Amino acid sequence: MRQSFFPGQRHLEKESAITAGLLSYLEHVRADVNLGLVANLCKVLIITVESRVELHEAVYEETLRVQIETILDLIFEA
């Protein structure tokens, strides 16, 4: 049996529930927020920080800013 590289549906459901719980403390959260996408992008942000030495220093701060703005745009109403 071939094993999938990606975590299963239960993992997504668990992380989505955690993300929803955290967002429940905030105001102006989009009704259509994609919880799995937000969780993944938060992980990518952490990977970016942990892999700083692999990235172009000249645009590192901008890279973080764009990632954070994207996450915030996905979470909050305009």
PDB file of N, CA and C in Angstrom:
ATOM      1  N   MET A   1       0.846  -1.174   0.000  1.00  0.00           N
ATOM      2  CA  MET A   1       0.000   0.000   0.000  1.00  0.00           C
ATOM      3  C   MET A   1       0.895   1.243   0.000  1.00  0.00           C
ATOM      4  N   ARG A   2       0.610   2.153  -0.887  1.00  0.00           N
ATOM      5  CA  ARG A   2       1.382   3.387  -1.015  1.00  0.00           C
ATOM      6  C   ARG A   2       0.943   4.403   0.032  1.00  0.00           C
ATOM      7  N   GLN A   3       1.910   4.958   0.751  1.00  0.00           N
ATOM      8  CA  GLN A   3       1.594   5.930   1.789  1.00  0.00           C
ATOM      9  C   GLN A   3       1.653   7.336   1.214  1.00  0.00           C
ATOM     10  N   SER A   4       0.679   8.154   1.566  1.00  0.00           N
ATOM     11  CA  SER A   4       0.621   9.529   1.092  1.00  0.00           C
ATOM     12  C   SER A   4       1.624  10.384   1.842  1.00  0.00           C
ATOM     13  N   PHE A   5       2.212  11.336   1.129  1.00  0.00           N
ATOM     14  CA  PHE A   5       3.130  12.301   1.741  1.00  0.00           C
ATOM     15  C   PHE A   5       2.380  13.271   2.642  1.00  0.00           C
ATOM     16  N   PHE A   6       1.149  13.553   2.303  1.00  0.00           N
ATOM     17  CA  PHE A   6       0.362  14.550   3.020  1.00  0.00           C
ATOM     18  C   PHE A   6      -0.373  13.926   4.205  1.00  0.00           C
ATOM     19  N   PRO A   7      -0.548  14.719   5.294  1.00  0.00           N
ATOM     20  CA  PRO A   7      -1.347  14.237   6.422  1.00  0.00           C
ATOM     21  C   PRO A   7      -2.780  13.964   5.971  1.00  0.00           C
ATOM     22  N   GLY A   8      -3.463  13.126   6.684  1.00  0.00           N
ATOM     23  CA  GLY A   8      -4.820  12.747   6.315  1.00  0.00           C
ATOM     24  C   GLY A   8      -5.864  13.794   6.632  1.00  0.00           C
ATOM     25  N   GLN A   9      -7.093  13.475   6.275  1.00  0.00           N
ATOM     26  CA  GLN A   9      -8.235  14.372   6.471  1.00  0.00           C
ATOM     27  C   GLN A   9      -8.435  14.702   7.946  1.00  0.00           C
ATOM     28  N   ARG A  10      -8.207  13.734   8.828  1.00  0.00           N
ATOM     29  CA  ARG A  10      -8.389  13.997  10.258  1.00  0.00           C
ATOM     30  C   ARG A  10      -7.412  15.056  10.749  1.00  0.00           C
ATOM     31  N   HIS A  11      -6.207  15.062  10.197  1.00  0.00           N
ATOM     32  CA  HIS A  11      -5.211  16.070  10.555  1.00  0.00           C
ATOM     33  C   HIS A  11      -5.694  17.458  10.127  1.00  0.00           C
ATOM     34  N   LEU A  12      -6.233  17.561   8.919  1.00  0.00           N
ATOM     35  CA  LEU A  12      -6.775  18.826   8.421  1.00  0.00           C
ATOM     36  C   LEU A  12      -7.931  19.289   9.292  1.00  0.00           C
ATOM     37  N   GLU A  13      -8.801  18.373   9.644  1.00  0.00           N
ATOM     38  CA  GLU A  13      -9.947  18.728  10.486  1.00  0.00           C
ATOM     39  C   GLU A  13      -9.477  19.221  11.856  1.00  0.00           C
ATOM     40  N   LYS A  14      -8.476  18.572  12.423  1.00  0.00           N
ATOM     41  CA  LYS A  14      -7.955  18.983  13.731  1.00  0.00           C
ATOM     42  C   LYS A  14      -7.340  20.379  13.657  1.00  0.00           C
ATOM     43  N   GLU A  15      -6.492  20.620  12.653  1.00  0.00           N
ATOM     44  CA  GLU A  15      -5.867  21.927  12.514  1.00  0.00           C
ATOM     45  C   GLU A  15      -6.887  23.009  12.180  1.00  0.00           C
ATOM     46  N   SER A  16      -7.889  22.677  11.397  1.00  0.00           N
ATOM     47  CA  SER A  16      -8.948  23.640  11.088  1.00  0.00           C
ATOM     48  C   SER A  16      -9.717  24.016  12.347  1.00  0.00           C
ATOM     49  N   ALA A  17      -9.964  23.038  13.197  1.00  0.00           N
ATOM     50  CA  ALA A  17     -10.679  23.310  14.452  1.00  0.00           C
ATOM     51  C   ALA A  17      -9.831  24.201  15.363  1.00  0.00           C
ATOM     52  N   ILE A  18      -8.545  23.944  15.425  1.00  0.00           N
ATOM     53  CA  ILE A  18      -7.660  24.779  16.243  1.00  0.00           C
ATOM     54  C   ILE A  18      -7.640  26.203  15.704  1.00  0.00           C
ATOM     55  N   THR A  19      -7.502  26.338  14.382  1.00  0.00           N
ATOM     56  CA  THR A  19      -7.484  27.662  13.755  1.00  0.00           C
ATOM     57  C   THR A  19      -8.802  28.387  13.994  1.00  0.00           C
ATOM     58  N   ALA A  20      -9.911  27.690  13.837  1.00  0.00           N
ATOM     59  CA  ALA A  20     -11.225  28.298  14.076  1.00  0.00           C
ATOM     60  C   ALA A  20     -11.347  28.756  15.529  1.00  0.00           C
ATOM     61  N   GLY A  21     -10.841  27.955  16.454  1.00  0.00           N
ATOM     62  CA  GLY A  21     -10.879  28.328  17.861  1.00  0.00           C
ATOM     63  C   GLY A  21     -10.098  29.607  18.126  1.00  0.00           C
ATOM     64  N   LEU A  22      -8.926  29.702  17.537  1.00  0.00           N
ATOM     65  CA  LEU A  22      -8.118  30.914  17.696  1.00  0.00           C
ATOM     66  C   LEU A  22      -8.801  32.126  17.075  1.00  0.00           C
ATOM     67  N   LEU A  23      -9.368  31.944  15.893  1.00  0.00           N
ATOM     68  CA  LEU A  23     -10.011  33.060  15.202  1.00  0.00           C
ATOM     69  C   LEU A  23     -11.310  33.500  15.896  1.00  0.00           C
ATOM     70  N   SER A  24     -11.892  32.620  16.696  1.00  0.00           N
ATOM     71  CA  SER A  24     -13.144  32.969  17.378  1.00  0.00           C
ATOM     72  C   SER A  24     -12.949  34.101  18.389  1.00  0.00           C
ATOM     73  N   TYR A  25     -11.714  34.374  18.762  1.00  0.00           N
ATOM     74  CA  TYR A  25     -11.428  35.462  19.696  1.00  0.00           C
ATOM     75  C   TYR A  25     -11.278  36.817  18.984  1.00  0.00           C
ATOM     76  N   LEU A  26     -11.310  36.796  17.661  1.00  0.00           N
ATOM     77  CA  LEU A  26     -11.078  38.008  16.878  1.00  0.00           C
ATOM     78  C   LEU A  26     -12.364  38.512  16.246  1.00  0.00           C
ATOM     79  N   GLU A  27     -12.386  39.792  15.912  1.00  0.00           N
ATOM     80  CA  GLU A  27     -13.532  40.403  15.233  1.00  0.00           C
ATOM     81  C   GLU A  27     -13.237  40.564  13.748  1.00  0.00           C
ATOM     82  N   HIS A  28     -14.271  40.676  12.963  1.00  0.00           N
ATOM     83  CA  HIS A  28     -14.206  40.947  11.530  1.00  0.00           C
ATOM     84  C   HIS A  28     -13.529  39.824  10.739  1.00  0.00           C
ATOM     85  N   VAL A  29     -13.687  38.600  11.221  1.00  0.00           N
ATOM     86  CA  VAL A  29     -13.152  37.442  10.501  1.00  0.00           C
ATOM     87  C   VAL A  29     -14.106  37.113   9.359  1.00  0.00           C
ATOM     88  N   ARG A  30     -13.549  36.857   8.200  1.00  0.00           N
ATOM     89  CA  ARG A  30     -14.352  36.504   7.025  1.00  0.00           C
ATOM     90  C   ARG A  30     -15.168  35.242   7.298  1.00  0.00           C
ATOM     91  N   ALA A  31     -16.384  35.241   6.830  1.00  0.00           N
ATOM     92  CA  ALA A  31     -17.240  34.066   6.996  1.00  0.00           C
ATOM     93  C   ALA A  31     -16.734  32.890   6.154  1.00  0.00           C
ATOM     94  N   ASP A  32     -16.048  33.212   5.057  1.00  0.00           N
ATOM     95  CA  ASP A  32     -15.596  32.176   4.131  1.00  0.00           C
ATOM     96  C   ASP A  32     -14.109  31.844   4.281  1.00  0.00           C
ATOM     97  N   VAL A  33     -13.526  32.132   5.451  1.00  0.00           N
ATOM     98  CA  VAL A  33     -12.098  31.883   5.632  1.00  0.00           C
ATOM     99  C   VAL A  33     -11.790  30.398   5.435  1.00  0.00           C
ATOM    100  N   ASN A  34     -10.766  30.118   4.653  1.00  0.00           N
ATOM    101  CA  ASN A  34     -10.334  28.748   4.392  1.00  0.00           C
ATOM    102  C   ASN A  34      -9.338  28.372   5.492  1.00  0.00           C
ATOM    103  N   LEU A  35      -9.819  27.668   6.481  1.00  0.00           N
ATOM    104  CA  LEU A  35      -9.021  27.376   7.670  1.00  0.00           C
ATOM    105  C   LEU A  35      -7.794  26.526   7.364  1.00  0.00           C
ATOM    106  N   GLY A  36      -7.929  25.570   6.483  1.00  0.00           N
ATOM    107  CA  GLY A  36      -6.787  24.736   6.107  1.00  0.00           C
ATOM    108  C   GLY A  36      -5.715  25.538   5.396  1.00  0.00           C
ATOM    109  N   LEU A  37      -6.137  26.437   4.531  1.00  0.00           N
ATOM    110  CA  LEU A  37      -5.191  27.285   3.805  1.00  0.00           C
ATOM    111  C   LEU A  37      -4.453  28.213   4.766  1.00  0.00           C
ATOM    112  N   VAL A  38      -5.185  28.811   5.694  1.00  0.00           N
ATOM    113  CA  VAL A  38      -4.555  29.684   6.689  1.00  0.00           C
ATOM    114  C   VAL A  38      -3.551  28.895   7.524  1.00  0.00           C
ATOM    115  N   ALA A  39      -3.922  27.703   7.949  1.00  0.00           N
ATOM    116  CA  ALA A  39      -3.006  26.867   8.735  1.00  0.00           C
ATOM    117  C   ALA A  39      -1.744  26.546   7.939  1.00  0.00           C
ATOM    118  N   ASN A  40      -1.898  26.178   6.678  1.00  0.00           N
ATOM    119  CA  ASN A  40      -0.735  25.873   5.837  1.00  0.00           C
ATOM    120  C   ASN A  40       0.154  27.097   5.649  1.00  0.00           C
ATOM    121  N   LEU A  41      -0.443  28.252   5.393  1.00  0.00           N
ATOM    122  CA  LEU A  41       0.360  29.455   5.175  1.00  0.00           C
ATOM    123  C   LEU A  41       1.091  29.882   6.448  1.00  0.00           C
ATOM    124  N   CYS A  42       0.490  29.639   7.597  1.00  0.00           N
ATOM    125  CA  CYS A  42       1.205  29.913   8.856  1.00  0.00           C
ATOM    126  C   CYS A  42       2.417  28.996   8.982  1.00  0.00           C
ATOM    127  N   LYS A  43       2.268  27.751   8.579  1.00  0.00           N
ATOM    128  CA  LYS A  43       3.397  26.822   8.591  1.00  0.00           C
ATOM    129  C   LYS A  43       4.483  27.279   7.617  1.00  0.00           C
ATOM    130  N   VAL A  44       4.080  27.737   6.446  1.00  0.00           N
ATOM    131  CA  VAL A  44       5.045  28.228   5.454  1.00  0.00           C
ATOM    132  C   VAL A  44       5.792  29.443   6.008  1.00  0.00           C
ATOM    133  N   LEU A  45       5.105  30.291   6.741  1.00  0.00           N
ATOM    134  CA  LEU A  45       5.751  31.446   7.366  1.00  0.00           C
ATOM    135  C   LEU A  45       6.835  30.993   8.346  1.00  0.00           C
ATOM    136  N   ILE A  46       6.538  29.997   9.143  1.00  0.00           N
ATOM    137  CA  ILE A  46       7.527  29.465  10.092  1.00  0.00           C
ATOM    138  C   ILE A  46       8.697  28.835   9.344  1.00  0.00           C
ATOM    139  N   ILE A  47       8.417  28.109   8.292  1.00  0.00           N
ATOM    140  CA  ILE A  47       9.483  27.514   7.478  1.00  0.00           C
ATOM    141  C   ILE A  47      10.365  28.612   6.891  1.00  0.00           C
ATOM    142  N   THR A  48       9.752  29.695   6.456  1.00  0.00           N
ATOM    143  CA  THR A  48      10.504  30.837   5.914  1.00  0.00           C
ATOM    144  C   THR A  48      11.462  31.392   6.954  1.00  0.00           C
ATOM    145  N   VAL A  49      10.973  31.593   8.162  1.00  0.00           N
ATOM    146  CA  VAL A  49      11.811  32.134   9.233  1.00  0.00           C
ATOM    147  C   VAL A  49      12.949  31.162   9.570  1.00  0.00           C
ATOM    148  N   GLU A  50      12.613  29.892   9.658  1.00  0.00           N
ATOM    149  CA  GLU A  50      13.624  28.895  10.004  1.00  0.00           C
ATOM    150  C   GLU A  50      14.652  28.682   8.893  1.00  0.00           C
ATOM    151  N   SER A  51      14.297  29.031   7.664  1.00  0.00           N
ATOM    152  CA  SER A  51      15.184  28.817   6.513  1.00  0.00           C
ATOM    153  C   SER A  51      15.788  30.124   6.012  1.00  0.00           C
ATOM    154  N   ARG A  52      15.863  31.106   6.854  1.00  0.00           N
ATOM    155  CA  ARG A  52      16.330  32.443   6.457  1.00  0.00           C
ATOM    156  C   ARG A  52      17.646  32.396   5.691  1.00  0.00           C
ATOM    157  N   VAL A  53      18.573  31.576   6.116  1.00  0.00           N
ATOM    158  CA  VAL A  53      19.900  31.539   5.477  1.00  0.00           C
ATOM    159  C   VAL A  53      19.822  31.079   4.021  1.00  0.00           C
ATOM    160  N   GLU A  54      18.730  30.436   3.635  1.00  0.00           N
ATOM    161  CA  GLU A  54      18.552  29.957   2.261  1.00  0.00           C
ATOM    162  C   GLU A  54      17.927  31.012   1.353  1.00  0.00           C
ATOM    163  N   LEU A  55      17.464  32.099   1.929  1.00  0.00           N
ATOM    164  CA  LEU A  55      16.715  33.100   1.171  1.00  0.00           C
ATOM    165  C   LEU A  55      17.576  34.318   0.854  1.00  0.00           C
ATOM    166  N   HIS A  56      17.113  35.116  -0.098  1.00  0.00           N
ATOM    167  CA  HIS A  56      17.818  36.341  -0.484  1.00  0.00           C
ATOM    168  C   HIS A  56      17.607  37.394   0.594  1.00  0.00           C
ATOM    169  N   GLU A  57      18.687  37.809   1.217  1.00  0.00           N
ATOM    170  CA  GLU A  57      18.623  38.762   2.325  1.00  0.00           C
ATOM    171  C   GLU A  57      17.985  40.083   1.918  1.00  0.00           C
ATOM    172  N   ALA A  58      18.253  40.526   0.695  1.00  0.00           N
ATOM    173  CA  ALA A  58      17.768  41.838   0.244  1.00  0.00           C
ATOM    174  C   ALA A  58      16.236  41.925   0.231  1.00  0.00           C
ATOM    175  N   VAL A  59      15.566  40.814   0.084  1.00  0.00           N
ATOM    176  CA  VAL A  59      14.104  40.828   0.030  1.00  0.00           C
ATOM    177  C   VAL A  59      13.471  39.965   1.120  1.00  0.00           C
ATOM    178  N   TYR A  60      14.257  39.602   2.111  1.00  0.00           N
ATOM    179  CA  TYR A  60      13.747  38.752   3.193  1.00  0.00           C
ATOM    180  C   TYR A  60      12.594  39.420   3.939  1.00  0.00           C
ATOM    181  N   GLU A  61      12.786  40.651   4.382  1.00  0.00           N
ATOM    182  CA  GLU A  61      11.734  41.354   5.130  1.00  0.00           C
ATOM    183  C   GLU A  61      10.471  41.526   4.289  1.00  0.00           C
ATOM    184  N   GLU A  62      10.638  41.830   3.011  1.00  0.00           N
ATOM    185  CA  GLU A  62       9.484  41.965   2.124  1.00  0.00           C
ATOM    186  C   GLU A  62       8.773  40.624   1.960  1.00  0.00           C
ATOM    187  N   THR A  63       9.546  39.553   1.900  1.00  0.00           N
ATOM    188  CA  THR A  63       8.971  38.218   1.798  1.00  0.00           C
ATOM    189  C   THR A  63       8.073  37.936   2.996  1.00  0.00           C
ATOM    190  N   LEU A  64       8.570  38.231   4.185  1.00  0.00           N
ATOM    191  CA  LEU A  64       7.763  38.041   5.395  1.00  0.00           C
ATOM    192  C   LEU A  64       6.518  38.920   5.362  1.00  0.00           C
ATOM    193  N   ARG A  65       6.685  40.178   4.971  1.00  0.00           N
ATOM    194  CA  ARG A  65       5.554  41.109   4.924  1.00  0.00           C
ATOM    195  C   ARG A  65       4.464  40.609   3.988  1.00  0.00           C
ATOM    196  N   VAL A  66       4.861  40.137   2.819  1.00  0.00           N
ATOM    197  CA  VAL A  66       3.879  39.647   1.839  1.00  0.00           C
ATOM    198  C   VAL A  66       3.168  38.403   2.368  1.00  0.00           C
ATOM    199  N   GLN A  67       3.907  37.520   2.995  1.00  0.00           N
ATOM    200  CA  GLN A  67       3.285  36.316   3.560  1.00  0.00           C
ATOM    201  C   GLN A  67       2.286  36.689   4.659  1.00  0.00           C
ATOM    202  N   ILE A  68       2.682  37.584   5.535  1.00  0.00           N
ATOM    203  CA  ILE A  68       1.792  37.992   6.629  1.00  0.00           C
ATOM    204  C   ILE A  68       0.565  38.717   6.091  1.00  0.00           C
ATOM    205  N   GLU A  69       0.755  39.622   5.137  1.00  0.00           N
ATOM    206  CA  GLU A  69      -0.388  40.334   4.547  1.00  0.00           C
ATOM    207  C   GLU A  69      -1.349  39.369   3.868  1.00  0.00           C
ATOM    208  N   THR A  70      -0.809  38.371   3.204  1.00  0.00           N
ATOM    209  CA  THR A  70      -1.659  37.373   2.541  1.00  0.00           C
ATOM    210  C   THR A  70      -2.501  36.626   3.563  1.00  0.00           C
ATOM    211  N   ILE A  71      -1.871  36.200   4.651  1.00  0.00           N
ATOM    212  CA  ILE A  71      -2.607  35.496   5.710  1.00  0.00           C
ATOM    213  C   ILE A  71      -3.697  36.392   6.287  1.00  0.00           C
ATOM    214  N   LEU A  72      -3.347  37.635   6.568  1.00  0.00           N
ATOM    215  CA  LEU A  72      -4.336  38.564   7.138  1.00  0.00           C
ATOM    216  C   LEU A  72      -5.474  38.846   6.166  1.00  0.00           C
ATOM    217  N   ASP A  73      -5.168  38.969   4.885  1.00  0.00           N
ATOM    218  CA  ASP A  73      -6.215  39.193   3.878  1.00  0.00           C
ATOM    219  C   ASP A  73      -7.161  37.999   3.787  1.00  0.00           C
ATOM    220  N   LEU A  74      -6.638  36.797   3.976  1.00  0.00           N
ATOM    221  CA  LEU A  74      -7.479  35.603   3.951  1.00  0.00           C
ATOM    222  C   LEU A  74      -8.369  35.507   5.178  1.00  0.00           C
ATOM    223  N   ILE A  75      -7.924  36.074   6.279  1.00  0.00           N
ATOM    224  CA  ILE A  75      -8.666  35.965   7.538  1.00  0.00           C
ATOM    225  C   ILE A  75      -9.704  37.068   7.706  1.00  0.00           C
ATOM    226  N   PHE A  76      -9.313  38.312   7.433  1.00  0.00           N
ATOM    227  CA  PHE A  76     -10.160  39.441   7.784  1.00  0.00           C
ATOM    228  C   PHE A  76     -10.913  40.029   6.608  1.00  0.00           C
ATOM    229  N   GLU A  77     -12.097  40.555   6.905  1.00  0.00           N
ATOM    230  CA  GLU A  77     -12.898  41.262   5.916  1.00  0.00           C
ATOM    231  C   GLU A  77     -12.193  42.553   5.539  1.00  0.00           C
ATOM    232  N   ALA A  78     -12.385  42.969   4.313  1.00  0.00           N
ATOM    233  CA  ALA A  78     -11.774  44.218   3.845  1.00  0.00           C
ATOM    234  C   ALA A  78     -12.437  45.433   4.439  1.00  0.00           C
TER     235      ALA A  78
END
